C-alpha atoms as a PDB file:
ATOM      1  CA  UNK A   1      18.048  22.401  10.088  1.00  0.00           C
ATOM      2  CA  UNK A   2      17.389  22.595   7.051  1.00  0.00           C
ATOM      3  CA  UNK A   3      16.320  20.145   4.172  1.00  0.00           C
ATOM      4  CA  UNK A   4      20.079  20.426   2.742  1.00  0.00           C
ATOM      5  CA  UNK A   5      21.019  18.753   5.748  1.00  0.00           C
ATOM      6  CA  UNK A   6      19.826  15.697   5.136  1.00  0.00           C
ATOM      7  CA  UNK A   7      21.836  15.393   2.069  1.00  0.00           C
ATOM      8  CA  UNK A   8      25.248  13.565   2.082  1.00  0.00           C
ATOM      9  CA  UNK A   9      28.244  16.867   2.354  1.00  0.00           C
ATOM     10  CA  UNK A  10      29.138  15.785  -1.501  1.00  0.00           C
ATOM     11  CA  UNK A  11      25.480  16.877  -2.687  1.00  0.00           C
ATOM     12  CA  UNK A  12      24.887  19.906  -0.642  1.00  0.00           C
ATOM     13  CA  UNK A  13      25.879  23.046  -2.480  1.00  0.00           C
ATOM     14  CA  UNK A  14      24.606  25.936  -4.371  1.00  0.00           C
ATOM     15  CA  UNK A  15      23.511  24.369  -7.444  1.00  0.00           C
ATOM     16  CA  UNK A  16      21.899  22.146  -5.502  1.00  0.00           C
ATOM     17  CA  UNK A  17      17.345  22.144  -5.229  1.00  0.00           C
ATOM     18  CA  UNK A  18      14.349  20.267  -3.545  1.00  0.00           C
ATOM     19  CA  UNK A  19      11.066  19.709  -4.729  1.00  0.00           C
ATOM     20  CA  UNK A  20       8.932  18.549  -2.778  1.00  0.00           C
ATOM     21  CA  UNK A  21       6.387  16.109  -4.792  1.00  0.00           C
ATOM     22  CA  UNK A  22       4.675  14.436  -2.206  1.00  0.00           C
ATOM     23  CA  UNK A  23       3.134  14.040   1.329  1.00  0.00           C
ATOM     24  CA  UNK A  24       2.482  11.055   2.686  1.00  0.00           C
ATOM     25  CA  UNK A  25      -0.487   9.974   5.535  1.00  0.00           C
ATOM     26  CA  UNK A  26       1.884   9.655   8.335  1.00  0.00           C
ATOM     27  CA  UNK A  27       3.084  12.887   7.790  1.00  0.00           C
ATOM     28  CA  UNK A  28       6.249  11.958   5.642  1.00  0.00           C
ATOM     29  CA  UNK A  29       7.797  14.328   3.389  1.00  0.00           C
ATOM     30  CA  UNK A  30       8.966  12.899   0.241  1.00  0.00           C
ATOM     31  CA  UNK A  31      11.385  15.634  -1.701  1.00  0.00           C
ATOM     32  CA  UNK A  32      12.625  15.446  -5.663  1.00  0.00           C
ATOM     33  CA  UNK A  33      16.384  16.479  -5.419  1.00  0.00           C
ATOM     34  CA  UNK A  34      18.803  17.651  -8.185  1.00  0.00           C
ATOM     35  CA  UNK A  35      22.319  18.167  -7.057  1.00  0.00           C
ATOM     36  CA  UNK A  36      25.758  17.021  -9.136  1.00  0.00           C
ATOM     37  CA  UNK A  37      23.894  16.108 -12.843  1.00  0.00           C
ATOM     38  CA  UNK A  38      21.868  13.324 -10.791  1.00  0.00           C
ATOM     39  CA  UNK A  39      18.344  13.413  -9.314  1.00  0.00           C
ATOM     40  CA  UNK A  40      17.247  11.828  -6.461  1.00  0.00           C
ATOM     41  CA  UNK A  41      14.482  10.801  -3.964  1.00  0.00           C
ATOM     42  CA  UNK A  42      14.788  12.327  -0.377  1.00  0.00           C
ATOM     43  CA  UNK A  43      11.837  11.295   2.291  1.00  0.00           C
ATOM     44  CA  UNK A  44      12.149  12.209   5.764  1.00  0.00           C
ATOM     45  CA  UNK A  45       9.642  10.229   8.826  1.00  0.00           C
ATOM     46  CA  UNK A  46       6.749  12.670   9.287  1.00  0.00           C
ATOM     47  CA  UNK A  47       6.830  13.600  13.578  1.00  0.00           C
ATOM     48  CA  UNK A  48       4.342  11.312  14.704  1.00  0.00           C
ATOM     49  CA  UNK A  49       5.781   8.042  12.947  1.00  0.00           C
ATOM     50  CA  UNK A  50       7.501   5.998  15.542  1.00  0.00           C
ATOM     51  CA  UNK A  51      10.934   6.198  15.892  1.00  0.00           C
ATOM     52  CA  UNK A  52      11.356   2.176  16.282  1.00  0.00           C
ATOM     53  CA  UNK A  53       8.645   1.360  13.457  1.00  0.00           C
ATOM     54  CA  UNK A  54      11.131   3.242  11.276  1.00  0.00           C
ATOM     55  CA  UNK A  55      14.273   1.909  12.501  1.00  0.00           C
ATOM     56  CA  UNK A  56      12.333  -1.413  12.020  1.00  0.00           C
ATOM     57  CA  UNK A  57      12.004  -0.850   8.389  1.00  0.00           C
ATOM     58  CA  UNK A  58      15.561   0.577   7.300  1.00  0.00           C
ATOM     59  CA  UNK A  59      16.728  -2.835   6.905  1.00  0.00           C
ATOM     60  CA  UNK A  60      14.358  -4.549   5.354  1.00  0.00           C
ATOM     61  CA  UNK A  61      13.976  -1.512   2.966  1.00  0.00           C
ATOM     62  CA  UNK A  62      17.780  -1.806   2.257  1.00  0.00           C
ATOM     63  CA  UNK A  63      17.346  -5.936   1.558  1.00  0.00           C
ATOM     64  CA  UNK A  64      14.792  -4.609  -1.199  1.00  0.00           C
ATOM     65  CA  UNK A  65      17.265  -2.619  -2.553  1.00  0.00           C
ATOM     66  CA  UNK A  66      19.934  -4.827  -2.719  1.00  0.00           C
ATOM     67  CA  UNK A  67      17.645  -7.248  -4.393  1.00  0.00           C
ATOM     68  CA  UNK A  68      16.483  -5.215  -6.588  1.00  0.00           C
ATOM     69  CA  UNK A  69      13.061  -4.546  -5.277  1.00  0.00           C
ATOM     70  CA  UNK A  70      13.191  -0.746  -4.003  1.00  0.00           C
ATOM     71  CA  UNK A  71      15.290   2.238  -5.440  1.00  0.00           C
ATOM     72  CA  UNK A  72      18.875   2.418  -4.736  1.00  0.00           C
ATOM     73  CA  UNK A  73      19.823   3.539  -1.310  1.00  0.00           C
ATOM     74  CA  UNK A  74      21.911   6.386  -1.989  1.00  0.00           C
ATOM     75  CA  UNK A  75      22.258   7.584   1.731  1.00  0.00           C
ATOM     76  CA  UNK A  76      20.511   7.550   5.405  1.00  0.00           C
ATOM     77  CA  UNK A  77      20.650  10.490   8.338  1.00  0.00           C
ATOM     78  CA  UNK A  78      19.221   8.664  11.042  1.00  0.00           C
ATOM     79  CA  UNK A  79      19.437  11.108  13.108  1.00  0.00           C
ATOM     80  CA  UNK A  80      16.834  13.255  11.211  1.00  0.00           C
ATOM     81  CA  UNK A  81      14.611   9.747   9.934  1.00  0.00           C
ATOM     82  CA  UNK A  82      15.972  10.514   6.399  1.00  0.00           C
ATOM     83  CA  UNK A  83      16.387   8.147   3.393  1.00  0.00           C
ATOM     84  CA  UNK A  84      18.098   9.815   0.202  1.00  0.00           C
ATOM     85  CA  UNK A  85      17.197   7.269  -3.025  1.00  0.00           C
ATOM     86  CA  UNK A  86      18.120   6.924  -6.536  1.00  0.00           C
ATOM     87  CA  UNK A  87      15.520   8.866  -8.367  1.00  0.00           C
ATOM     88  CA  UNK A  88      13.980   6.221 -11.317  1.00  0.00           C
ATOM     89  CA  UNK A  89      11.791   6.985 -13.454  1.00  0.00           C
ATOM     90  CA  UNK A  90       8.433   5.703 -13.657  1.00  0.00           C
ATOM     91  CA  UNK A  91       7.220   4.500 -17.179  1.00  0.00           C
ATOM     92  CA  UNK A  92       3.653   4.245 -15.165  1.00  0.00           C
ATOM     93  CA  UNK A  93       2.938   0.503 -14.005  1.00  0.00           C
ATOM     94  CA  UNK A  94      -0.699   1.646 -15.160  1.00  0.00           C
ATOM     95  CA  UNK A  95      -0.329   2.135 -18.771  1.00  0.00           C
ATOM     96  CA  UNK A  96       2.019  -1.928 -18.613  1.00  0.00           C
ATOM     97  CA  UNK A  97      -0.880  -3.092 -15.859  1.00  0.00           C
ATOM     98  CA  UNK A  98      -3.568  -1.864 -18.151  1.00  0.00           C
ATOM     99  CA  UNK A  99      -2.532  -1.867 -21.690  1.00  0.00           C
ATOM    100  CA  UNK A 100      -4.206  -5.107 -23.459  1.00  0.00           C
ATOM    101  CA  UNK A 101      -1.234  -5.200 -25.499  1.00  0.00           C
ATOM    102  CA  UNK A 102       1.338  -5.834 -22.381  1.00  0.00           C
ATOM    103  CA  UNK A 103      -1.379  -6.643 -19.451  1.00  0.00           C
ATOM    104  CA  UNK A 104      -0.453 -10.183 -19.779  1.00  0.00           C
ATOM    105  CA  UNK A 105       3.551  -9.799 -18.759  1.00  0.00           C
ATOM    106  CA  UNK A 106       2.627  -7.312 -16.535  1.00  0.00           C
ATOM    107  CA  UNK A 107       0.626  -9.388 -14.573  1.00  0.00           C
ATOM    108  CA  UNK A 108       3.096 -12.304 -15.070  1.00  0.00           C
ATOM    109  CA  UNK A 109       5.768  -9.968 -13.970  1.00  0.00           C
ATOM    110  CA  UNK A 110       4.280  -8.961 -10.392  1.00  0.00           C
ATOM    111  CA  UNK A 111       3.821 -12.022  -9.157  1.00  0.00           C
ATOM    112  CA  UNK A 112       6.915 -12.593  -9.927  1.00  0.00           C
ATOM    113  CA  UNK A 113       8.269 -10.224  -7.484  1.00  0.00           C
ATOM    114  CA  UNK A 114       6.225 -10.230  -5.102  1.00  0.00           C
ATOM    115  CA  UNK A 115       7.556 -13.803  -4.676  1.00  0.00           C
ATOM    116  CA  UNK A 116      10.733 -12.580  -4.776  1.00  0.00           C
ATOM    117  CA  UNK A 117       9.492  -9.906  -1.997  1.00  0.00           C
ATOM    118  CA  UNK A 118       8.526 -12.806   0.153  1.00  0.00           C
ATOM    119  CA  UNK A 119      12.174 -14.747  -0.162  1.00  0.00           C
ATOM    120  CA  UNK A 120      13.527 -12.397   1.576  1.00  0.00           C
ATOM    121  CA  UNK A 121      15.207 -12.984   4.846  1.00  0.00           C
ATOM    122  CA  UNK A 122      13.164 -11.294   7.209  1.00  0.00           C
ATOM    123  CA  UNK A 123      15.130  -9.721  10.371  1.00  0.00           C
ATOM    124  CA  UNK A 124      15.290 -11.390  13.085  1.00  0.00           C
ATOM    125  CA  UNK A 125      13.519  -8.610  15.252  1.00  0.00           C
ATOM    126  CA  UNK A 126      11.116  -7.700  12.415  1.00  0.00           C
ATOM    127  CA  UNK A 127       7.325  -7.037  14.206  1.00  0.00           C
ATOM    128  CA  UNK A 128       4.449  -9.775  12.684  1.00  0.00           C
ATOM    129  CA  UNK A 129       2.302  -7.887  10.866  1.00  0.00           C
ATOM    130  CA  UNK A 130      -1.605  -8.834  11.616  1.00  0.00           C
ATOM    131  CA  UNK A 131      -3.949  -7.046   9.402  1.00  0.00           C
ATOM    132  CA  UNK A 132      -7.395  -9.011  11.176  1.00  0.00           C
ATOM    133  CA  UNK A 133      -5.533  -7.446  14.284  1.00  0.00           C
ATOM    134  CA  UNK A 134      -5.174  -4.743  13.583  1.00  0.00           C
ATOM    135  CA  UNK A 135      -8.764  -4.318  12.094  1.00  0.00           C
ATOM    136  CA  UNK A 136     -10.768  -4.853  15.044  1.00  0.00           C
ATOM    137  CA  UNK A 137      -8.890  -2.064  16.852  1.00  0.00           C
ATOM    138  CA  UNK A 138      -9.406   0.193  14.032  1.00  0.00           C
ATOM    139  CA  UNK A 139     -12.875  -1.629  14.378  1.00  0.00           C
ATOM    140  CA  UNK A 140     -13.041  -0.796  18.074  1.00  0.00           C
ATOM    141  CA  UNK A 141     -11.831   3.079  17.477  1.00  0.00           C
ATOM    142  CA  UNK A 142     -14.326   3.378  14.572  1.00  0.00           C
ATOM    143  CA  UNK A 143     -17.869   2.157  15.473  1.00  0.00           C
ATOM    144  CA  UNK A 144     -18.035   3.964  18.500  1.00  0.00           C
ATOM    145  CA  UNK A 145     -17.665   6.803  18.249  1.00  0.00           C
ATOM    146  CA  UNK A 146     -18.582   7.596  14.627  1.00  0.00           C
ATOM    147  CA  UNK A 147     -21.527   7.473  12.473  1.00  0.00           C
ATOM    148  CA  UNK A 148     -20.510   4.941   9.881  1.00  0.00           C
ATOM    149  CA  UNK A 149     -23.342   3.191   7.459  1.00  0.00           C
ATOM    150  CA  UNK A 150     -25.045   0.423   8.834  1.00  0.00           C
ATOM    151  CA  UNK A 151     -23.723  -1.824   5.396  1.00  0.00           C
ATOM    152  CA  UNK A 152     -19.763  -0.689   7.108  1.00  0.00           C
ATOM    153  CA  UNK A 153     -20.120  -2.044  10.247  1.00  0.00           C
ATOM    154  CA  UNK A 154     -21.567  -5.483   8.758  1.00  0.00           C
ATOM    155  CA  UNK A 155     -18.714  -5.628   6.600  1.00  0.00           C
ATOM    156  CA  UNK A 156     -16.185  -5.484   9.113  1.00  0.00           C
ATOM    157  CA  UNK A 157     -17.901  -7.395  11.727  1.00  0.00           C
ATOM    158  CA  UNK A 158     -18.374 -10.467   8.958  1.00  0.00           C
ATOM    159  CA  UNK A 159     -14.509 -10.639   7.981  1.00  0.00           C
ATOM    160  CA  UNK A 160     -13.814 -10.466  12.218  1.00  0.00           C
ATOM    161  CA  UNK A 161     -16.534 -13.654  12.764  1.00  0.00           C
ATOM    162  CA  UNK A 162     -15.214 -15.950   9.759  1.00  0.00           C
ATOM    163  CA  UNK A 163     -12.643 -18.438   9.998  1.00  0.00           C
ATOM    164  CA  UNK A 164      -8.871 -16.816   9.427  1.00  0.00           C
ATOM    165  CA  UNK A 165      -7.847 -20.258   8.685  1.00  0.00           C
ATOM    166  CA  UNK A 166      -4.564 -19.117  10.484  1.00  0.00           C
ATOM    167  CA  UNK A 167      -3.762 -23.295  10.738  1.00  0.00           C
ATOM    168  CA  UNK A 168      -3.239 -22.608   6.779  1.00  0.00           C
ATOM    169  CA  UNK A 169      -1.094 -19.571   7.479  1.00  0.00           C
ATOM    170  CA  UNK A 170       2.144 -19.090   6.176  1.00  0.00           C
ATOM    171  CA  UNK A 171       4.728 -16.463   7.576  1.00  0.00           C
ATOM    172  CA  UNK A 172       6.820 -14.350   4.990  1.00  0.00           C
ATOM    173  CA  UNK A 173       8.713 -10.770   4.618  1.00  0.00           C
ATOM    174  CA  UNK A 174       5.576  -9.236   2.798  1.00  0.00           C
ATOM    175  CA  UNK A 175       5.303  -5.279   1.914  1.00  0.00           C
ATOM    176  CA  UNK A 176       2.078  -5.338   3.306  1.00  0.00           C
ATOM    177  CA  UNK A 177       0.737  -2.328   1.487  1.00  0.00           C
ATOM    178  CA  UNK A 178       1.191  -2.908  -2.720  1.00  0.00           C
ATOM    179  CA  UNK A 179      -1.341  -0.513  -3.239  1.00  0.00           C
ATOM    180  CA  UNK A 180      -0.751   0.822  -7.126  1.00  0.00           C
ATOM    181  CA  UNK A 181       0.904   4.080  -5.640  1.00  0.00           C
ATOM    182  CA  UNK A 182       3.624   2.265  -4.494  1.00  0.00           C
ATOM    183  CA  UNK A 183       4.483   0.419  -7.642  1.00  0.00           C
ATOM    184  CA  UNK A 184       6.889   1.680 -10.466  1.00  0.00           C
ATOM    185  CA  UNK A 185       7.562   0.429 -13.707  1.00  0.00           C
ATOM    186  CA  UNK A 186      11.084   1.518 -15.071  1.00  0.00           C
ATOM    187  CA  UNK A 187      10.726  -0.178 -18.242  1.00  0.00           C
ATOM    188  CA  UNK A 188      12.224  -3.570 -17.340  1.00  0.00           C
ATOM    189  CA  UNK A 189      11.048  -4.221 -13.660  1.00  0.00           C
ATOM    190  CA  UNK A 190       8.332  -3.137 -11.233  1.00  0.00           C
ATOM    191  CA  UNK A 191      10.038  -1.494  -8.307  1.00  0.00           C
ATOM    192  CA  UNK A 192       8.536  -1.037  -5.232  1.00  0.00           C
ATOM    193  CA  UNK A 193       7.753   2.020  -2.650  1.00  0.00           C
ATOM    194  CA  UNK A 194       7.276   2.509   1.113  1.00  0.00           C
ATOM    195  CA  UNK A 195       8.252  -0.189   2.769  1.00  0.00           C
ATOM    196  CA  UNK A 196       7.152   1.336   6.262  1.00  0.00           C
ATOM    197  CA  UNK A 197       4.862  -1.084   7.416  1.00  0.00           C
ATOM    198  CA  UNK A 198       6.945  -3.984   6.034  1.00  0.00           C
ATOM    199  CA  UNK A 199       7.194  -7.420   8.208  1.00  0.00           C
ATOM    200  CA  UNK A 200       6.704 -11.127   8.634  1.00  0.00           C
ATOM    201  CA  UNK A 201       3.332 -12.042   7.712  1.00  0.00           C
ATOM    202  CA  UNK A 202       0.214 -14.192   5.727  1.00  0.00           C
ATOM    203  CA  UNK A 203       1.401 -14.796   2.286  1.00  0.00           C
ATOM    204  CA  UNK A 204      -0.949 -13.854   0.614  1.00  0.00           C
ATOM    205  CA  UNK A 205      -1.885 -11.219   1.691  1.00  0.00           C
ATOM    206  CA  UNK A 206       0.062  -8.415  -0.489  1.00  0.00           C
ATOM    207  CA  UNK A 207      -1.547 -11.110  -3.588  1.00  0.00           C
ATOM    208  CA  UNK A 208      -4.792 -10.094  -1.643  1.00  0.00           C
ATOM    209  CA  UNK A 209      -4.022  -6.440  -1.666  1.00  0.00           C
ATOM    210  CA  UNK A 210      -2.918  -6.149  -5.845  1.00  0.00           C
ATOM    211  CA  UNK A 211      -6.231  -7.969  -6.117  1.00  0.00           C
ATOM    212  CA  UNK A 212      -8.308  -5.565  -4.312  1.00  0.00           C
ATOM    213  CA  UNK A 213      -6.488  -2.272  -5.772  1.00  0.00           C
ATOM    214  CA  UNK A 214      -6.214  -3.542  -9.383  1.00  0.00           C
ATOM    215  CA  UNK A 215      -9.806  -4.040  -9.143  1.00  0.00           C
ATOM    216  CA  UNK A 216      -8.856  -8.273 -10.639  1.00  0.00           C
ATOM    217  CA  UNK A 217     -11.708 -10.535 -10.968  1.00  0.00           C
ATOM    218  CA  UNK A 218     -11.351 -13.719  -9.926  1.00  0.00           C
ATOM    219  CA  UNK A 219      -9.404 -15.317 -13.355  1.00  0.00           C
ATOM    220  CA  UNK A 220      -7.270 -12.424 -13.359  1.00  0.00           C
ATOM    221  CA  UNK A 221      -6.069 -13.435  -9.505  1.00  0.00           C
ATOM    222  CA  UNK A 222      -5.703 -16.621 -10.920  1.00  0.00           C
ATOM    223  CA  UNK A 223      -3.198 -16.295 -13.000  1.00  0.00           C
ATOM    224  CA  UNK A 224      -1.706 -13.684 -10.349  1.00  0.00           C
ATOM    225  CA  UNK A 225      -1.532 -16.238  -8.394  1.00  0.00           C
ATOM    226  CA  UNK A 226      -0.275 -19.037 -10.567  1.00  0.00           C
ATOM    227  CA  UNK A 227       2.490 -16.427 -11.373  1.00  0.00           C
ATOM    228  CA  UNK A 228       3.469 -16.404  -8.299  1.00  0.00           C
ATOM    229  CA  UNK A 229       3.853 -20.387  -7.556  1.00  0.00           C
ATOM    230  CA  UNK A 230       5.058 -20.665 -10.406  1.00  0.00           C
ATOM    231  CA  UNK A 231       2.781 -23.263 -11.648  1.00  0.00           C
ATOM    232  CA  UNK A 232      -1.082 -23.130 -13.124  1.00  0.00           C
ATOM    233  CA  UNK A 233      -3.391 -23.335 -10.109  1.00  0.00           C
ATOM    234  CA  UNK A 234      -6.861 -23.943 -11.331  1.00  0.00           C
ATOM    235  CA  UNK A 235      -8.973 -22.402  -8.187  1.00  0.00           C
ATOM    236  CA  UNK A 236      -8.013 -19.597  -5.944  1.00  0.00           C
ATOM    237  CA  UNK A 237      -7.335 -20.932  -2.502  1.00  0.00           C
ATOM    238  CA  UNK A 238      -9.919 -20.343   0.411  1.00  0.00           C
ATOM    239  CA  UNK A 239      -7.371 -18.247   2.589  1.00  0.00           C
ATOM    240  CA  UNK A 240      -6.596 -16.150  -0.684  1.00  0.00           C
ATOM    241  CA  UNK A 241     -10.449 -15.453  -1.279  1.00  0.00           C
ATOM    242  CA  UNK A 242     -10.874 -14.660   2.824  1.00  0.00           C
ATOM    243  CA  UNK A 243      -7.543 -12.275   2.855  1.00  0.00           C
ATOM    244  CA  UNK A 244      -9.127 -10.349  -0.212  1.00  0.00           C
ATOM    245  CA  UNK A 245     -12.063 -10.161   1.867  1.00  0.00           C
ATOM    246  CA  UNK A 246      -9.777  -8.744   5.109  1.00  0.00           C
ATOM    247  CA  UNK A 247      -8.087  -6.590   2.817  1.00  0.00           C
ATOM    248  CA  UNK A 248     -10.760  -4.801   1.237  1.00  0.00           C
ATOM    249  CA  UNK A 249     -12.068  -4.545   5.112  1.00  0.00           C
ATOM    250  CA  UNK A 250      -9.013  -3.236   6.628  1.00  0.00           C
ATOM    251  CA  UNK A 251      -8.424  -0.369   3.714  1.00  0.00           C
ATOM    252  CA  UNK A 252     -11.761   0.972   3.677  1.00  0.00           C
ATOM    253  CA  UNK A 253     -11.921   1.341   7.584  1.00  0.00           C
ATOM    254  CA  UNK A 254      -8.436   3.154   7.474  1.00  0.00           C
ATOM    255  CA  UNK A 255      -9.866   5.142   4.920  1.00  0.00           C
ATOM    256  CA  UNK A 256     -12.847   6.439   7.114  1.00  0.00           C
ATOM    257  CA  UNK A 257     -10.795   6.296  10.116  1.00  0.00           C
ATOM    258  CA  UNK A 258      -8.607   9.085   7.496  1.00  0.00           C
ATOM    259  CA  UNK A 259     -12.098  10.349   7.227  1.00  0.00           C
ATOM    260  CA  UNK A 260     -12.778  10.614  10.705  1.00  0.00           C
ATOM    261  CA  UNK A 261      -9.098  12.709  11.395  1.00  0.00           C
ATOM    262  CA  UNK A 262     -10.517  15.032   8.586  1.00  0.00           C
ATOM    263  CA  UNK A 263     -13.664  16.031  10.801  1.00  0.00           C
ATOM    264  CA  UNK A 264     -15.883  14.161   8.498  1.00  0.00           C
ATOM    265  CA  UNK A 265     -19.242  14.781   9.155  1.00  0.00           C
ATOM    266  CA  UNK A 266     -19.967  10.775   9.122  1.00  0.00           C
ATOM    267  CA  UNK A 267     -22.956   8.911   8.022  1.00  0.00           C
ATOM    268  CA  UNK A 268     -26.074  10.775   7.017  1.00  0.00           C
ATOM    269  CA  UNK A 269     -28.866   7.712   7.241  1.00  0.00           C
ATOM    270  CA  UNK A 270     -29.161   7.682   2.929  1.00  0.00           C
ATOM    271  CA  UNK A 271     -25.908   5.187   1.872  1.00  0.00           C
ATOM    272  CA  UNK A 272     -26.561   1.778   1.389  1.00  0.00           C
ATOM    273  CA  UNK A 273     -24.651   0.034  -0.698  1.00  0.00           C
ATOM    274  CA  UNK A 274     -26.646   0.683  -3.593  1.00  0.00           C
ATOM    275  CA  UNK A 275     -26.243   4.034  -3.549  1.00  0.00           C
ATOM    276  CA  UNK A 276     -22.585   3.350  -3.061  1.00  0.00           C
ATOM    277  CA  UNK A 277     -20.304   4.093  -5.900  1.00  0.00           C
ATOM    278  CA  UNK A 278     -18.103   0.573  -6.473  1.00  0.00           C
ATOM    279  CA  UNK A 279     -14.679   0.941  -5.935  1.00  0.00           C
ATOM    280  CA  UNK A 280     -13.795   0.915 -10.204  1.00  0.00           C
ATOM    281  CA  UNK A 281     -17.193   4.046 -10.397  1.00  0.00           C
ATOM    282  CA  UNK A 282     -14.630   5.810  -7.527  1.00  0.00           C
ATOM    283  CA  UNK A 283     -11.814   5.856  -9.517  1.00  0.00           C
ATOM    284  CA  UNK A 284     -13.466   7.420 -12.429  1.00  0.00           C
ATOM    285  CA  UNK A 285     -14.826  10.038  -9.885  1.00  0.00           C
ATOM    286  CA  UNK A 286     -11.287  10.694  -8.803  1.00  0.00           C
ATOM    287  CA  UNK A 287     -10.002  10.675 -12.714  1.00  0.00           C
ATOM    288  CA  UNK A 288     -12.881  13.215 -13.440  1.00  0.00           C
ATOM    289  CA  UNK A 289     -11.293  15.668 -10.601  1.00  0.00           C
ATOM    290  CA  UNK A 290     -14.363  14.858  -8.563  1.00  0.00           C
ATOM    291  CA  UNK A 291     -13.174  13.983  -5.604  1.00  0.00           C
ATOM    292  CA  UNK A 292      -8.891  13.791  -4.121  1.00  0.00           C
ATOM    293  CA  UNK A 293      -7.494  11.472  -1.795  1.00  0.00           C
ATOM    294  CA  UNK A 294      -6.277  13.962   0.928  1.00  0.00           C
ATOM    295  CA  UNK A 295      -9.833  14.941   1.586  1.00  0.00           C
ATOM    296  CA  UNK A 296     -12.536  13.731   4.105  1.00  0.00           C
ATOM    297  CA  UNK A 297     -14.661  13.286   1.125  1.00  0.00           C
ATOM    298  CA  UNK A 298     -12.327  11.690  -0.884  1.00  0.00           C
ATOM    299  CA  UNK A 299     -11.420   9.644   2.243  1.00  0.00           C
ATOM    300  CA  UNK A 300     -15.261   8.369   3.153  1.00  0.00           C
ATOM    301  CA  UNK A 301     -16.230   7.824  -0.633  1.00  0.00           C
ATOM    302  CA  UNK A 302     -12.622   5.372  -1.042  1.00  0.00           C
ATOM    303  CA  UNK A 303     -13.439   4.266   2.031  1.00  0.00           C
ATOM    304  CA  UNK A 304     -16.868   2.757   1.797  1.00  0.00           C
ATOM    305  CA  UNK A 305     -16.391   1.638  -1.822  1.00  0.00           C
ATOM    306  CA  UNK A 306     -13.703  -0.928  -0.646  1.00  0.00           C
ATOM    307  CA  UNK A 307     -16.249  -1.670   1.862  1.00  0.00           C
ATOM    308  CA  UNK A 308     -18.621  -2.198  -0.825  1.00  0.00           C
ATOM    309  CA  UNK A 309     -16.045  -4.353  -2.468  1.00  0.00           C
ATOM    310  CA  UNK A 310     -15.726  -6.682   0.330  1.00  0.00           C
ATOM    311  CA  UNK A 311     -19.036  -7.227   0.878  1.00  0.00           C
ATOM    312  CA  UNK A 312     -19.931  -8.617  -2.740  1.00  0.00           C
ATOM    313  CA  UNK A 313     -16.705 -10.699  -2.726  1.00  0.00           C
END
């Protein structure tokens, strides 16, 4: 089988070109496709990606695409677990959000976009996503056999010991991975990529992930939630504050897990919250080329920065 075999017959031919543009942590391969005078994106699931999970995520991606929340789906090859979508030129969500002239418009649109995601009807057989339970699983796998800084284990244990406020839980269809790499801006709308882990979950989790990764202070987080609720809130709900700590701890724990998978040596015994770069400092080091995700040191540094962030919340 060739990569081109994943395309529909009318897009195969001598003038078709495929250029690999990304590889996800799941092992998925992503290609830009030029065919018939048009551009597309082809994503092929990795060998380690669970087939049932892939099939379960597909109808959610279709829902999102039909609602204009994700790029249009052009073709699906279920046997090869390949999805071809329209190519969307990214006008840079990072610039839209980071430019002071457009920041508030971007923040408002972001909150409303999440609201539209959560308004989608979840498929009846979609598995519930439980970030807290997942953190407990990662904790079990990490803390017993990997040398972690003391504060890292303390952060995870603290979050799991807290009252998760389940009595206030409202389940919606959530994306579950709204980190900035999954956000694109086409000049008019914010579109969301990678729906592999979407499913019914706490309504605040997507918002908490955005708050963490975009380094929102409490005022900015409050404006995000106000845009989401379409009403002016005067304080951040306790469940959101808890979920933000949970989101930072889970993301950090996963980054340490990736570092371990890539044979990182683990803690040296000198790591403390004070010696650990903040999330903002980690981003600066990435921009300077000093650290890179996809490497053991990159995942290790990112994980510790996220856990430090959770500790400070």
